[in-house]
């Protein structure tokens, strides 16, 4: 998932993807703890996707405030 792709989505879509990714991370962590996960790198990529989603959501929240402060 690229940051450029995220900027084209609405806030509702971003929040939906965030919850999906968080659920995916929970499943991956469970698989990791039971030694069923094939590639531990998947955990890192999902965590980074979550960070990108949170950043995009926060950018949208801060955008109206930037205009008011100027």
PDB file of N, CA and C in Angstrom:
ATOM      1  N   UNK A   1       0.844  -1.167   0.000  1.00  0.00           N
ATOM      2  CA  UNK A   1       0.000   0.000   0.000  1.00  0.00           C
ATOM      3  C   UNK A   1       0.895   1.239   0.000  1.00  0.00           C
ATOM      4  N   UNK A   2       0.678   2.104  -0.936  1.00  0.00           N
ATOM      5  CA  UNK A   2       1.483   3.312  -1.093  1.00  0.00           C
ATOM      6  C   UNK A   2       0.749   4.507  -0.482  1.00  0.00           C
ATOM      7  N   UNK A   3       1.503   5.480  -0.015  1.00  0.00           N
ATOM      8  CA  UNK A   3       0.919   6.678   0.566  1.00  0.00           C
ATOM      9  C   UNK A   3       0.131   7.457  -0.489  1.00  0.00           C
ATOM     10  N   UNK A   4       0.570   7.408  -1.726  1.00  0.00           N
ATOM     11  CA  UNK A   4      -0.128   8.108  -2.807  1.00  0.00           C
ATOM     12  C   UNK A   4      -1.527   7.518  -2.991  1.00  0.00           C
ATOM     13  N   UNK A   5      -1.646   6.203  -2.886  1.00  0.00           N
ATOM     14  CA  UNK A   5      -2.950   5.547  -3.002  1.00  0.00           C
ATOM     15  C   UNK A   5      -3.874   5.973  -1.869  1.00  0.00           C
ATOM     16  N   UNK A   6      -3.322   6.130  -0.674  1.00  0.00           N
ATOM     17  CA  UNK A   6      -4.133   6.470   0.492  1.00  0.00           C
ATOM     18  C   UNK A   6      -4.701   7.874   0.403  1.00  0.00           C
ATOM     19  N   UNK A   7      -3.978   8.760  -0.238  1.00  0.00           N
ATOM     20  CA  UNK A   7      -4.445  10.145  -0.318  1.00  0.00           C
ATOM     21  C   UNK A   7      -5.675  10.298  -1.206  1.00  0.00           C
ATOM     22  N   UNK A   8      -5.951   9.309  -2.034  1.00  0.00           N
ATOM     23  CA  UNK A   8      -7.126   9.388  -2.902  1.00  0.00           C
ATOM     24  C   UNK A   8      -8.380   8.856  -2.222  1.00  0.00           C
ATOM     25  N   UNK A   9      -8.235   8.211  -1.072  1.00  0.00           N
ATOM     26  CA  UNK A   9      -9.375   7.617  -0.387  1.00  0.00           C
ATOM     27  C   UNK A   9     -10.020   8.611   0.576  1.00  0.00           C
ATOM     28  N   UNK A  10     -11.290   8.367   0.888  1.00  0.00           N
ATOM     29  CA  UNK A  10     -11.984   9.207   1.855  1.00  0.00           C
ATOM     30  C   UNK A  10     -11.615   8.764   3.269  1.00  0.00           C
ATOM     31  N   UNK A  11     -11.977   9.587   4.234  1.00  0.00           N
ATOM     32  CA  UNK A  11     -11.648   9.287   5.631  1.00  0.00           C
ATOM     33  C   UNK A  11     -12.347   8.006   6.078  1.00  0.00           C
ATOM     34  N   UNK A  12     -13.586   7.792   5.649  1.00  0.00           N
ATOM     35  CA  UNK A  12     -14.322   6.585   6.030  1.00  0.00           C
ATOM     36  C   UNK A  12     -13.635   5.333   5.487  1.00  0.00           C
ATOM     37  N   UNK A  13     -13.183   5.411   4.239  1.00  0.00           N
ATOM     38  CA  UNK A  13     -12.477   4.274   3.645  1.00  0.00           C
ATOM     39  C   UNK A  13     -11.154   4.018   4.363  1.00  0.00           C
ATOM     40  N   UNK A  14     -10.471   5.091   4.745  1.00  0.00           N
ATOM     41  CA  UNK A  14      -9.210   4.940   5.472  1.00  0.00           C
ATOM     42  C   UNK A  14      -9.441   4.273   6.822  1.00  0.00           C
ATOM     43  N   UNK A  15     -10.489   4.685   7.512  1.00  0.00           N
ATOM     44  CA  UNK A  15     -10.781   4.099   8.821  1.00  0.00           C
ATOM     45  C   UNK A  15     -11.180   2.637   8.689  1.00  0.00           C
ATOM     46  N   UNK A  16     -11.904   2.295   7.626  1.00  0.00           N
ATOM     47  CA  UNK A  16     -12.283   0.900   7.402  1.00  0.00           C
ATOM     48  C   UNK A  16     -11.039   0.056   7.131  1.00  0.00           C
ATOM     49  N   UNK A  17     -10.149   0.578   6.302  1.00  0.00           N
ATOM     50  CA  UNK A  17      -8.905  -0.149   6.021  1.00  0.00           C
ATOM     51  C   UNK A  17      -8.051  -0.292   7.273  1.00  0.00           C
ATOM     52  N   UNK A  18      -8.078   0.729   8.121  1.00  0.00           N
ATOM     53  CA  UNK A  18      -7.304   0.682   9.365  1.00  0.00           C
ATOM     54  C   UNK A  18      -7.799  -0.451  10.260  1.00  0.00           C
ATOM     55  N   UNK A  19      -9.105  -0.578  10.414  1.00  0.00           N
ATOM     56  CA  UNK A  19      -9.628  -1.659  11.252  1.00  0.00           C
ATOM     57  C   UNK A  19      -9.313  -3.021  10.636  1.00  0.00           C
ATOM     58  N   UNK A  20      -9.384  -3.115   9.308  1.00  0.00           N
ATOM     59  CA  UNK A  20      -9.036  -4.372   8.640  1.00  0.00           C
ATOM     60  C   UNK A  20      -7.574  -4.746   8.880  1.00  0.00           C
ATOM     61  N   UNK A  21      -6.704  -3.760   8.763  1.00  0.00           N
ATOM     62  CA  UNK A  21      -5.275  -4.010   8.964  1.00  0.00           C
ATOM     63  C   UNK A  21      -4.974  -4.372  10.416  1.00  0.00           C
ATOM     64  N   UNK A  22      -5.678  -3.747  11.353  1.00  0.00           N
ATOM     65  CA  UNK A  22      -5.464  -4.067  12.760  1.00  0.00           C
ATOM     66  C   UNK A  22      -5.908  -5.498  13.066  1.00  0.00           C
ATOM     67  N   UNK A  23      -7.006  -5.926  12.455  1.00  0.00           N
ATOM     68  CA  UNK A  23      -7.443  -7.310  12.621  1.00  0.00           C
ATOM     69  C   UNK A  23      -6.438  -8.266  11.989  1.00  0.00           C
ATOM     70  N   UNK A  24      -5.931  -7.894  10.845  1.00  0.00           N
ATOM     71  CA  UNK A  24      -4.933  -8.713  10.169  1.00  0.00           C
ATOM     72  C   UNK A  24      -3.680  -8.842  11.030  1.00  0.00           C
ATOM     73  N   UNK A  25      -3.272  -7.746  11.661  1.00  0.00           N
ATOM     74  CA  UNK A  25      -2.108  -7.779  12.533  1.00  0.00           C
ATOM     75  C   UNK A  25      -2.334  -8.705  13.725  1.00  0.00           C
ATOM     76  N   UNK A  26      -3.523  -8.687  14.275  1.00  0.00           N
ATOM     77  CA  UNK A  26      -3.832  -9.562  15.401  1.00  0.00           C
ATOM     78  C   UNK A  26      -3.726 -11.025  14.986  1.00  0.00           C
ATOM     79  N   UNK A  27      -4.235 -11.352  13.809  1.00  0.00           N
ATOM     80  CA  UNK A  27      -4.145 -12.731  13.310  1.00  0.00           C
ATOM     81  C   UNK A  27      -2.689 -13.132  13.053  1.00  0.00           C
ATOM     82  N   UNK A  28      -1.922 -12.209  12.490  1.00  0.00           N
ATOM     83  CA  UNK A  28      -0.514 -12.509  12.222  1.00  0.00           C
ATOM     84  C   UNK A  28       0.267 -12.717  13.519  1.00  0.00           C
ATOM     85  N   UNK A  29      -0.030 -11.902  14.520  1.00  0.00           N
ATOM     86  CA  UNK A  29       0.659 -12.067  15.807  1.00  0.00           C
ATOM     87  C   UNK A  29       0.311 -13.411  16.444  1.00  0.00           C
ATOM     88  N   UNK A  30      -0.958 -13.802  16.300  1.00  0.00           N
ATOM     89  CA  UNK A  30      -1.360 -15.108  16.825  1.00  0.00           C
ATOM     90  C   UNK A  30      -0.615 -16.228  16.104  1.00  0.00           C
ATOM     91  N   UNK A  31      -0.546 -16.140  14.785  1.00  0.00           N
ATOM     92  CA  UNK A  31       0.169 -17.147  14.009  1.00  0.00           C
ATOM     93  C   UNK A  31       1.651 -17.161  14.362  1.00  0.00           C
ATOM     94  N   UNK A  32       2.214 -15.976  14.605  1.00  0.00           N
ATOM     95  CA  UNK A  32       3.616 -15.888  14.967  1.00  0.00           C
ATOM     96  C   UNK A  32       3.876 -16.563  16.317  1.00  0.00           C
ATOM     97  N   UNK A  33       2.964 -16.358  17.260  1.00  0.00           N
ATOM     98  CA  UNK A  33       3.169 -16.941  18.584  1.00  0.00           C
ATOM     99  C   UNK A  33       2.990 -18.454  18.590  1.00  0.00           C
ATOM    100  N   UNK A  34       2.213 -18.978  17.651  1.00  0.00           N
ATOM    101  CA  UNK A  34       2.011 -20.425  17.572  1.00  0.00           C
ATOM    102  C   UNK A  34       2.920 -21.077  16.534  1.00  0.00           C
ATOM    103  N   UNK A  35       3.866 -20.313  16.035  1.00  0.00           N
ATOM    104  CA  UNK A  35       4.854 -20.790  15.055  1.00  0.00           C
ATOM    105  C   UNK A  35       4.219 -21.302  13.761  1.00  0.00           C
ATOM    106  N   UNK A  36       3.128 -20.687  13.348  1.00  0.00           N
ATOM    107  CA  UNK A  36       2.464 -21.073  12.103  1.00  0.00           C
ATOM    108  C   UNK A  36       2.683 -20.053  10.985  1.00  0.00           C
ATOM    109  N   UNK A  37       3.319 -18.952  11.322  1.00  0.00           N
ATOM    110  CA  UNK A  37       3.524 -17.894  10.343  1.00  0.00           C
ATOM    111  C   UNK A  37       4.699 -18.249   9.442  1.00  0.00           C
ATOM    112  N   UNK A  38       4.475 -18.210   8.135  1.00  0.00           N
ATOM    113  CA  UNK A  38       5.526 -18.571   7.178  1.00  0.00           C
ATOM    114  C   UNK A  38       6.592 -17.489   7.064  1.00  0.00           C
ATOM    115  N   UNK A  39       6.169 -16.241   7.063  1.00  0.00           N
ATOM    116  CA  UNK A  39       7.113 -15.147   6.881  1.00  0.00           C
ATOM    117  C   UNK A  39       6.871 -14.062   7.938  1.00  0.00           C
ATOM    118  N   UNK A  40       7.766 -13.915   8.902  1.00  0.00           N
ATOM    119  CA  UNK A  40       7.593 -12.895   9.940  1.00  0.00           C
ATOM    120  C   UNK A  40       7.674 -11.463   9.401  1.00  0.00           C
ATOM    121  N   UNK A  41       8.150 -11.314   8.193  1.00  0.00           N
ATOM    122  CA  UNK A  41       8.241  -9.981   7.594  1.00  0.00           C
ATOM    123  C   UNK A  41       6.842  -9.408   7.334  1.00  0.00           C
ATOM    124  N   UNK A  42       5.838 -10.276   7.221  1.00  0.00           N
ATOM    125  CA  UNK A  42       4.463  -9.808   7.010  1.00  0.00           C
ATOM    126  C   UNK A  42       4.005  -8.935   8.167  1.00  0.00           C
ATOM    127  N   UNK A  43       4.439  -9.261   9.383  1.00  0.00           N
ATOM    128  CA  UNK A  43       4.057  -8.472  10.558  1.00  0.00           C
ATOM    129  C   UNK A  43       4.586  -7.051  10.413  1.00  0.00           C
ATOM    130  N   UNK A  44       5.827  -6.927   9.992  1.00  0.00           N
ATOM    131  CA  UNK A  44       6.427  -5.606   9.816  1.00  0.00           C
ATOM    132  C   UNK A  44       5.689  -4.797   8.753  1.00  0.00           C
ATOM    133  N   UNK A  45       5.361  -5.430   7.641  1.00  0.00           N
ATOM    134  CA  UNK A  45       4.691  -4.697   6.565  1.00  0.00           C
ATOM    135  C   UNK A  45       3.290  -4.240   6.987  1.00  0.00           C
ATOM    136  N   UNK A  46       2.580  -5.070   7.739  1.00  0.00           N
ATOM    137  CA  UNK A  46       1.244  -4.683   8.197  1.00  0.00           C
ATOM    138  C   UNK A  46       1.353  -3.531   9.196  1.00  0.00           C
ATOM    139  N   UNK A  47       2.344  -3.587  10.081  1.00  0.00           N
ATOM    140  CA  UNK A  47       2.532  -2.502  11.044  1.00  0.00           C
ATOM    141  C   UNK A  47       2.834  -1.189  10.329  1.00  0.00           C
ATOM    142  N   UNK A  48       3.616  -1.256   9.286  1.00  0.00           N
ATOM    143  CA  UNK A  48       3.934  -0.048   8.525  1.00  0.00           C
ATOM    144  C   UNK A  48       2.711   0.474   7.773  1.00  0.00           C
ATOM    145  N   UNK A  49       1.889  -0.436   7.257  1.00  0.00           N
ATOM    146  CA  UNK A  49       0.650  -0.021   6.594  1.00  0.00           C
ATOM    147  C   UNK A  49      -0.278   0.679   7.584  1.00  0.00           C
ATOM    148  N   UNK A  50      -0.345   0.166   8.805  1.00  0.00           N
ATOM    149  CA  UNK A  50      -1.169   0.796   9.834  1.00  0.00           C
ATOM    150  C   UNK A  50      -0.653   2.203  10.122  1.00  0.00           C
ATOM    151  N   UNK A  51       0.649   2.355  10.205  1.00  0.00           N
ATOM    152  CA  UNK A  51       1.235   3.677  10.446  1.00  0.00           C
ATOM    153  C   UNK A  51       0.916   4.630   9.294  1.00  0.00           C
ATOM    154  N   UNK A  52       0.986   4.147   8.078  1.00  0.00           N
ATOM    155  CA  UNK A  52       0.654   4.989   6.925  1.00  0.00           C
ATOM    156  C   UNK A  52      -0.807   5.422   6.969  1.00  0.00           C
ATOM    157  N   UNK A  53      -1.690   4.493   7.324  1.00  0.00           N
ATOM    158  CA  UNK A  53      -3.114   4.811   7.413  1.00  0.00           C
ATOM    159  C   UNK A  53      -3.373   5.851   8.494  1.00  0.00           C
ATOM    160  N   UNK A  54      -2.764   5.679   9.652  1.00  0.00           N
ATOM    161  CA  UNK A  54      -2.960   6.636  10.736  1.00  0.00           C
ATOM    162  C   UNK A  54      -2.430   8.009  10.352  1.00  0.00           C
ATOM    163  N   UNK A  55      -1.317   8.042   9.639  1.00  0.00           N
ATOM    164  CA  UNK A  55      -0.751   9.309   9.192  1.00  0.00           C
ATOM    165  C   UNK A  55      -1.690   9.999   8.205  1.00  0.00           C
ATOM    166  N   UNK A  56      -2.244   9.251   7.276  1.00  0.00           N
ATOM    167  CA  UNK A  56      -3.157   9.824   6.288  1.00  0.00           C
ATOM    168  C   UNK A  56      -4.418  10.359   6.960  1.00  0.00           C
ATOM    169  N   UNK A  57      -4.931   9.625   7.936  1.00  0.00           N
ATOM    170  CA  UNK A  57      -6.125  10.083   8.654  1.00  0.00           C
ATOM    171  C   UNK A  57      -5.803  11.367   9.419  1.00  0.00           C
ATOM    172  N   UNK A  58      -4.664  11.396  10.065  1.00  0.00           N
ATOM    173  CA  UNK A  58      -4.264  12.578  10.837  1.00  0.00           C
ATOM    174  C   UNK A  58      -4.043  13.782   9.931  1.00  0.00           C
ATOM    175  N   UNK A  59      -3.493  13.569   8.752  1.00  0.00           N
ATOM    176  CA  UNK A  59      -3.317  14.665   7.789  1.00  0.00           C
ATOM    177  C   UNK A  59      -4.656  15.272   7.425  1.00  0.00           C
ATOM    178  N   UNK A  60      -5.650  14.418   7.222  1.00  0.00           N
ATOM    179  CA  UNK A  60      -6.986  14.907   6.880  1.00  0.00           C
ATOM    180  C   UNK A  60      -7.594  15.689   8.037  1.00  0.00           C
ATOM    181  N   UNK A  61      -7.352  15.250   9.273  1.00  0.00           N
ATOM    182  CA  UNK A  61      -7.896  15.951  10.429  1.00  0.00           C
ATOM    183  C   UNK A  61      -7.241  17.307  10.611  1.00  0.00           C
ATOM    184  N   UNK A  62      -5.965  17.412  10.311  1.00  0.00           N
ATOM    185  CA  UNK A  62      -5.230  18.635  10.510  1.00  0.00           C
ATOM    186  C   UNK A  62      -5.413  19.648   9.376  1.00  0.00           C
ATOM    187  N   UNK A  63      -5.845  19.210   8.220  1.00  0.00           N
ATOM    188  CA  UNK A  63      -5.986  20.094   7.057  1.00  0.00           C
ATOM    189  C   UNK A  63      -6.906  21.285   7.328  1.00  0.00           C
ATOM    190  N   UNK A  64      -8.101  21.092   7.896  1.00  0.00           N
ATOM    191  CA  UNK A  64      -8.958  22.261   8.152  1.00  0.00           C
ATOM    192  C   UNK A  64      -8.364  23.200   9.189  1.00  0.00           C
ATOM    193  N   UNK A  65      -7.616  22.686  10.131  1.00  0.00           N
ATOM    194  CA  UNK A  65      -7.033  23.521  11.176  1.00  0.00           C
ATOM    195  C   UNK A  65      -5.900  24.371  10.643  1.00  0.00           C
ATOM    196  N   UNK A  66      -5.190  23.883   9.616  1.00  0.00           N
ATOM    197  CA  UNK A  66      -4.115  24.685   9.027  1.00  0.00           C
ATOM    198  C   UNK A  66      -4.661  25.962   8.421  1.00  0.00           C
ATOM    199  N   UNK A  67      -5.781  25.865   7.723  1.00  0.00           N
ATOM    200  CA  UNK A  67      -6.382  27.034   7.101  1.00  0.00           C
ATOM    201  C   UNK A  67      -6.882  28.049   8.117  1.00  0.00           C
ATOM    202  N   UNK A  68      -7.363  27.583   9.242  1.00  0.00           N
ATOM    203  CA  UNK A  68      -7.883  28.479  10.277  1.00  0.00           C
ATOM    204  C   UNK A  68      -6.755  29.186  11.012  1.00  0.00           C
ATOM    205  N   UNK A  69      -5.609  28.559  11.122  1.00  0.00           N
ATOM    206  CA  UNK A  69      -4.480  29.144  11.857  1.00  0.00           C
ATOM    207  C   UNK A  69      -3.769  30.221  11.044  1.00  0.00           C
ATOM    208  N   UNK A  70      -3.885  30.187   9.744  1.00  0.00           N
ATOM    209  CA  UNK A  70      -3.165  31.137   8.894  1.00  0.00           C
ATOM    210  C   UNK A  70      -3.846  32.457   8.771  1.00  0.00           C
TER     211      UNK A  70
END
